[in-house]
Amino acid sequence: MTEGTPDISQMTFEQALRALEEVVKRLESGEVPLDDSINLYEQGEKLRQHCQARLDSAQARIEKIVAGADGKATGTTPFDADS
């Protein structure tokens, strides 16, 4: 990792998402030289993977928090069971 580049593994989901949006914006501008575009794309992929891992972790936590009408845990239900 180069100096000035944030440690992606330490970013919150929101920080990583904002950074990913900035990468996409810069790439879409068409004003970035080819070599820089490749580096940005690689950084964007790392940010995307980090965001996906954070979402997967949140989904797993939500699956564990299923309670019945009486407020007691009734087991786990997949997050997207109704879809």
N, C-alpha and C. Protein backbone atom coordinates (compact mmCIF):
# COMPACT_ATOMS: atom_id res chain seq x y z
N MET A 1 0.85 -1.18 0.00
CA MET A 1 0.00 0.00 0.00
C MET A 1 0.89 1.24 0.00
N THR A 2 0.54 2.22 -0.83
CA THR A 2 1.35 3.41 -0.92
C THR A 2 0.90 4.42 0.11
N GLU A 3 1.80 5.36 0.41
CA GLU A 3 1.48 6.39 1.39
C GLU A 3 0.33 7.24 0.89
N GLY A 4 -0.61 7.56 1.75
CA GLY A 4 -1.76 8.36 1.37
C GLY A 4 -2.95 7.52 0.92
N THR A 5 -2.71 6.22 0.68
CA THR A 5 -3.80 5.32 0.29
C THR A 5 -4.39 4.73 1.55
N PRO A 6 -5.70 4.88 1.76
CA PRO A 6 -6.30 4.35 2.98
C PRO A 6 -6.28 2.82 3.00
N ASP A 7 -6.22 2.27 4.20
CA ASP A 7 -6.27 0.82 4.38
C ASP A 7 -7.73 0.39 4.26
N ILE A 8 -8.05 -0.25 3.14
CA ILE A 8 -9.43 -0.62 2.85
C ILE A 8 -10.00 -1.53 3.94
N SER A 9 -9.18 -2.42 4.48
CA SER A 9 -9.68 -3.35 5.49
C SER A 9 -10.15 -2.65 6.77
N GLN A 10 -9.72 -1.42 6.98
CA GLN A 10 -10.11 -0.67 8.18
C GLN A 10 -11.29 0.26 7.93
N MET A 11 -11.77 0.32 6.68
CA MET A 11 -12.87 1.23 6.33
C MET A 11 -14.21 0.66 6.78
N THR A 12 -15.10 1.57 7.13
CA THR A 12 -16.49 1.17 7.36
C THR A 12 -17.12 0.92 6.00
N PHE A 13 -18.29 0.32 5.99
CA PHE A 13 -19.00 0.10 4.74
C PHE A 13 -19.24 1.44 4.03
N GLU A 14 -19.68 2.43 4.79
CA GLU A 14 -20.00 3.73 4.21
C GLU A 14 -18.77 4.40 3.61
N GLN A 15 -17.63 4.32 4.30
CA GLN A 15 -16.39 4.90 3.78
C GLN A 15 -15.97 4.21 2.49
N ALA A 16 -16.04 2.88 2.48
CA ALA A 16 -15.65 2.12 1.29
C ALA A 16 -16.59 2.41 0.13
N LEU A 17 -17.87 2.54 0.41
CA LEU A 17 -18.84 2.83 -0.65
C LEU A 17 -18.58 4.20 -1.25
N ARG A 18 -18.31 5.20 -0.40
CA ARG A 18 -18.00 6.54 -0.90
C ARG A 18 -16.73 6.51 -1.75
N ALA A 19 -15.72 5.78 -1.30
CA ALA A 19 -14.48 5.68 -2.06
C ALA A 19 -14.72 4.98 -3.40
N LEU A 20 -15.55 3.95 -3.39
CA LEU A 20 -15.88 3.24 -4.63
C LEU A 20 -16.63 4.17 -5.58
N GLU A 21 -17.56 4.94 -5.06
CA GLU A 21 -18.29 5.89 -5.90
C GLU A 21 -17.34 6.90 -6.54
N GLU A 22 -16.34 7.34 -5.78
CA GLU A 22 -15.35 8.29 -6.30
C GLU A 22 -14.52 7.65 -7.41
N VAL A 23 -14.13 6.40 -7.22
CA VAL A 23 -13.38 5.67 -8.25
C VAL A 23 -14.21 5.59 -9.53
N VAL A 24 -15.46 5.21 -9.40
CA VAL A 24 -16.34 5.08 -10.57
C VAL A 24 -16.49 6.44 -11.27
N LYS A 25 -16.68 7.48 -10.49
CA LYS A 25 -16.82 8.82 -11.05
C LYS A 25 -15.58 9.22 -11.85
N ARG A 26 -14.41 8.95 -11.29
CA ARG A 26 -13.16 9.29 -11.98
C ARG A 26 -13.00 8.46 -13.25
N LEU A 27 -13.33 7.18 -13.19
CA LEU A 27 -13.21 6.34 -14.38
C LEU A 27 -14.19 6.78 -15.46
N GLU A 28 -15.41 7.12 -15.07
CA GLU A 28 -16.42 7.52 -16.03
C GLU A 28 -16.12 8.87 -16.67
N SER A 29 -15.30 9.68 -16.01
CA SER A 29 -14.98 11.01 -16.56
C SER A 29 -14.20 10.90 -17.86
N GLY A 30 -13.47 9.80 -18.03
CA GLY A 30 -12.67 9.62 -19.23
C GLY A 30 -11.42 10.48 -19.27
N GLU A 31 -11.12 11.15 -18.19
CA GLU A 31 -9.97 12.06 -18.15
C GLU A 31 -8.77 11.46 -17.42
N VAL A 32 -8.83 10.18 -17.12
CA VAL A 32 -7.76 9.52 -16.39
C VAL A 32 -6.89 8.75 -17.39
N PRO A 33 -5.57 8.92 -17.34
CA PRO A 33 -4.69 8.16 -18.24
C PRO A 33 -4.88 6.65 -18.06
N LEU A 34 -4.55 5.88 -19.08
CA LEU A 34 -4.78 4.44 -19.09
C LEU A 34 -4.18 3.74 -17.87
N ASP A 35 -2.90 3.99 -17.57
CA ASP A 35 -2.27 3.31 -16.43
C ASP A 35 -2.97 3.65 -15.12
N ASP A 36 -3.36 4.90 -14.97
CA ASP A 36 -4.09 5.31 -13.76
C ASP A 36 -5.47 4.65 -13.72
N SER A 37 -6.09 4.50 -14.89
CA SER A 37 -7.39 3.84 -14.96
C SER A 37 -7.30 2.40 -14.49
N ILE A 38 -6.24 1.72 -14.89
CA ILE A 38 -6.06 0.32 -14.46
C ILE A 38 -5.88 0.26 -12.95
N ASN A 39 -5.08 1.16 -12.40
CA ASN A 39 -4.89 1.19 -10.95
C ASN A 39 -6.19 1.51 -10.22
N LEU A 40 -6.95 2.46 -10.77
CA LEU A 40 -8.24 2.80 -10.17
C LEU A 40 -9.19 1.62 -10.22
N TYR A 41 -9.20 0.91 -11.34
CA TYR A 41 -10.07 -0.26 -11.48
C TYR A 41 -9.72 -1.31 -10.43
N GLU A 42 -8.42 -1.55 -10.23
CA GLU A 42 -7.98 -2.52 -9.22
C GLU A 42 -8.42 -2.07 -7.82
N GLN A 43 -8.26 -0.78 -7.54
CA GLN A 43 -8.69 -0.26 -6.23
C GLN A 43 -10.20 -0.40 -6.09
N GLY A 44 -10.92 -0.11 -7.15
CA GLY A 44 -12.38 -0.23 -7.12
C GLY A 44 -12.82 -1.66 -6.85
N GLU A 45 -12.13 -2.63 -7.44
CA GLU A 45 -12.48 -4.03 -7.21
C GLU A 45 -12.23 -4.42 -5.74
N LYS A 46 -11.15 -3.93 -5.16
CA LYS A 46 -10.88 -4.21 -3.75
C LYS A 46 -11.96 -3.58 -2.86
N LEU A 47 -12.35 -2.36 -3.21
CA LEU A 47 -13.41 -1.69 -2.45
C LEU A 47 -14.73 -2.44 -2.58
N ARG A 48 -15.05 -2.91 -3.79
CA ARG A 48 -16.28 -3.67 -4.02
C ARG A 48 -16.29 -4.95 -3.18
N GLN A 49 -15.16 -5.65 -3.17
CA GLN A 49 -15.06 -6.88 -2.39
C GLN A 49 -15.23 -6.60 -0.90
N HIS A 50 -14.65 -5.51 -0.44
CA HIS A 50 -14.78 -5.13 0.98
C HIS A 50 -16.24 -4.83 1.31
N CYS A 51 -16.90 -4.06 0.44
CA CYS A 51 -18.32 -3.75 0.67
C CYS A 51 -19.15 -5.02 0.69
N GLN A 52 -18.90 -5.94 -0.25
CA GLN A 52 -19.66 -7.18 -0.30
C GLN A 52 -19.45 -8.01 0.96
N ALA A 53 -18.21 -8.06 1.44
CA ALA A 53 -17.92 -8.81 2.67
C ALA A 53 -18.66 -8.21 3.86
N ARG A 54 -18.71 -6.87 3.93
CA ARG A 54 -19.43 -6.21 5.02
C ARG A 54 -20.93 -6.49 4.94
N LEU A 55 -21.47 -6.48 3.72
CA LEU A 55 -22.90 -6.79 3.54
C LEU A 55 -23.19 -8.24 3.91
N ASP A 56 -22.32 -9.16 3.50
CA ASP A 56 -22.50 -10.57 3.83
C ASP A 56 -22.47 -10.78 5.34
N SER A 57 -21.57 -10.08 6.01
CA SER A 57 -21.47 -10.18 7.47
C SER A 57 -22.74 -9.64 8.14
N ALA A 58 -23.24 -8.51 7.64
CA ALA A 58 -24.46 -7.94 8.20
C ALA A 58 -25.64 -8.89 7.98
N GLN A 59 -25.71 -9.50 6.81
CA GLN A 59 -26.79 -10.44 6.52
C GLN A 59 -26.74 -11.62 7.47
N ALA A 60 -25.56 -12.14 7.72
CA ALA A 60 -25.42 -13.27 8.65
C ALA A 60 -25.89 -12.88 10.05
N ARG A 61 -25.56 -11.66 10.47
CA ARG A 61 -26.00 -11.21 11.80
C ARG A 61 -27.51 -11.08 11.86
N ILE A 62 -28.11 -10.56 10.79
CA ILE A 62 -29.56 -10.39 10.76
C ILE A 62 -30.26 -11.74 10.81
N GLU A 63 -29.70 -12.74 10.14
CA GLU A 63 -30.30 -14.07 10.15
C GLU A 63 -30.35 -14.66 11.55
N LYS A 64 -29.45 -14.20 12.42
CA LYS A 64 -29.42 -14.71 13.79
C LYS A 64 -30.41 -13.99 14.70
N ILE A 65 -30.96 -12.88 14.25
CA ILE A 65 -31.82 -12.05 15.09
C ILE A 65 -33.27 -12.21 14.65
N VAL A 66 -33.82 -13.37 14.83
CA VAL A 66 -35.22 -13.61 14.48
C VAL A 66 -35.95 -13.96 15.76
N ALA A 67 -36.98 -13.19 16.07
CA ALA A 67 -37.72 -13.41 17.31
C ALA A 67 -39.19 -13.64 17.00
N GLY A 68 -39.84 -14.40 17.87
CA GLY A 68 -41.28 -14.65 17.75
C GLY A 68 -42.07 -13.51 18.34
N ALA A 69 -43.39 -13.63 18.33
CA ALA A 69 -44.28 -12.59 18.85
C ALA A 69 -44.05 -12.33 20.33
N ASP A 70 -43.59 -13.34 21.05
CA ASP A 70 -43.34 -13.17 22.48
C ASP A 70 -41.98 -12.55 22.77
N GLY A 71 -41.22 -12.24 21.71
CA GLY A 71 -39.92 -11.61 21.87
C GLY A 71 -38.78 -12.58 22.06
N LYS A 72 -39.09 -13.86 22.15
CA LYS A 72 -38.05 -14.86 22.32
C LYS A 72 -37.57 -15.34 20.95
N ALA A 73 -36.31 -15.69 20.89
CA ALA A 73 -35.73 -16.15 19.63
C ALA A 73 -36.42 -17.42 19.18
N THR A 74 -36.73 -17.48 17.89
CA THR A 74 -37.40 -18.65 17.33
C THR A 74 -36.48 -19.43 16.39
N GLY A 75 -35.28 -18.98 16.24
CA GLY A 75 -34.34 -19.64 15.34
C GLY A 75 -33.82 -18.64 14.32
N THR A 76 -33.29 -19.16 13.25
CA THR A 76 -32.78 -18.27 12.21
C THR A 76 -33.63 -18.41 10.96
N THR A 77 -33.72 -17.32 10.25
CA THR A 77 -34.42 -17.27 8.98
C THR A 77 -33.52 -16.55 7.99
N PRO A 78 -33.35 -17.09 6.79
CA PRO A 78 -32.52 -16.37 5.82
C PRO A 78 -33.03 -14.95 5.60
N PHE A 79 -32.11 -14.03 5.45
CA PHE A 79 -32.43 -12.62 5.28
C PHE A 79 -33.38 -12.38 4.12
N ASP A 80 -33.18 -13.08 3.01
CA ASP A 80 -33.98 -12.87 1.81
C ASP A 80 -35.01 -13.98 1.58
N ALA A 81 -35.54 -14.56 2.65
CA ALA A 81 -36.49 -15.66 2.55
C ALA A 81 -37.79 -15.26 1.86
N ASP A 82 -38.19 -13.99 1.99
CA ASP A 82 -39.46 -13.56 1.39
C ASP A 82 -39.32 -13.16 -0.07
N SER A 83 -38.10 -13.09 -0.60
CA SER A 83 -37.93 -12.64 -1.98
C SER A 83 -38.09 -13.77 -2.95
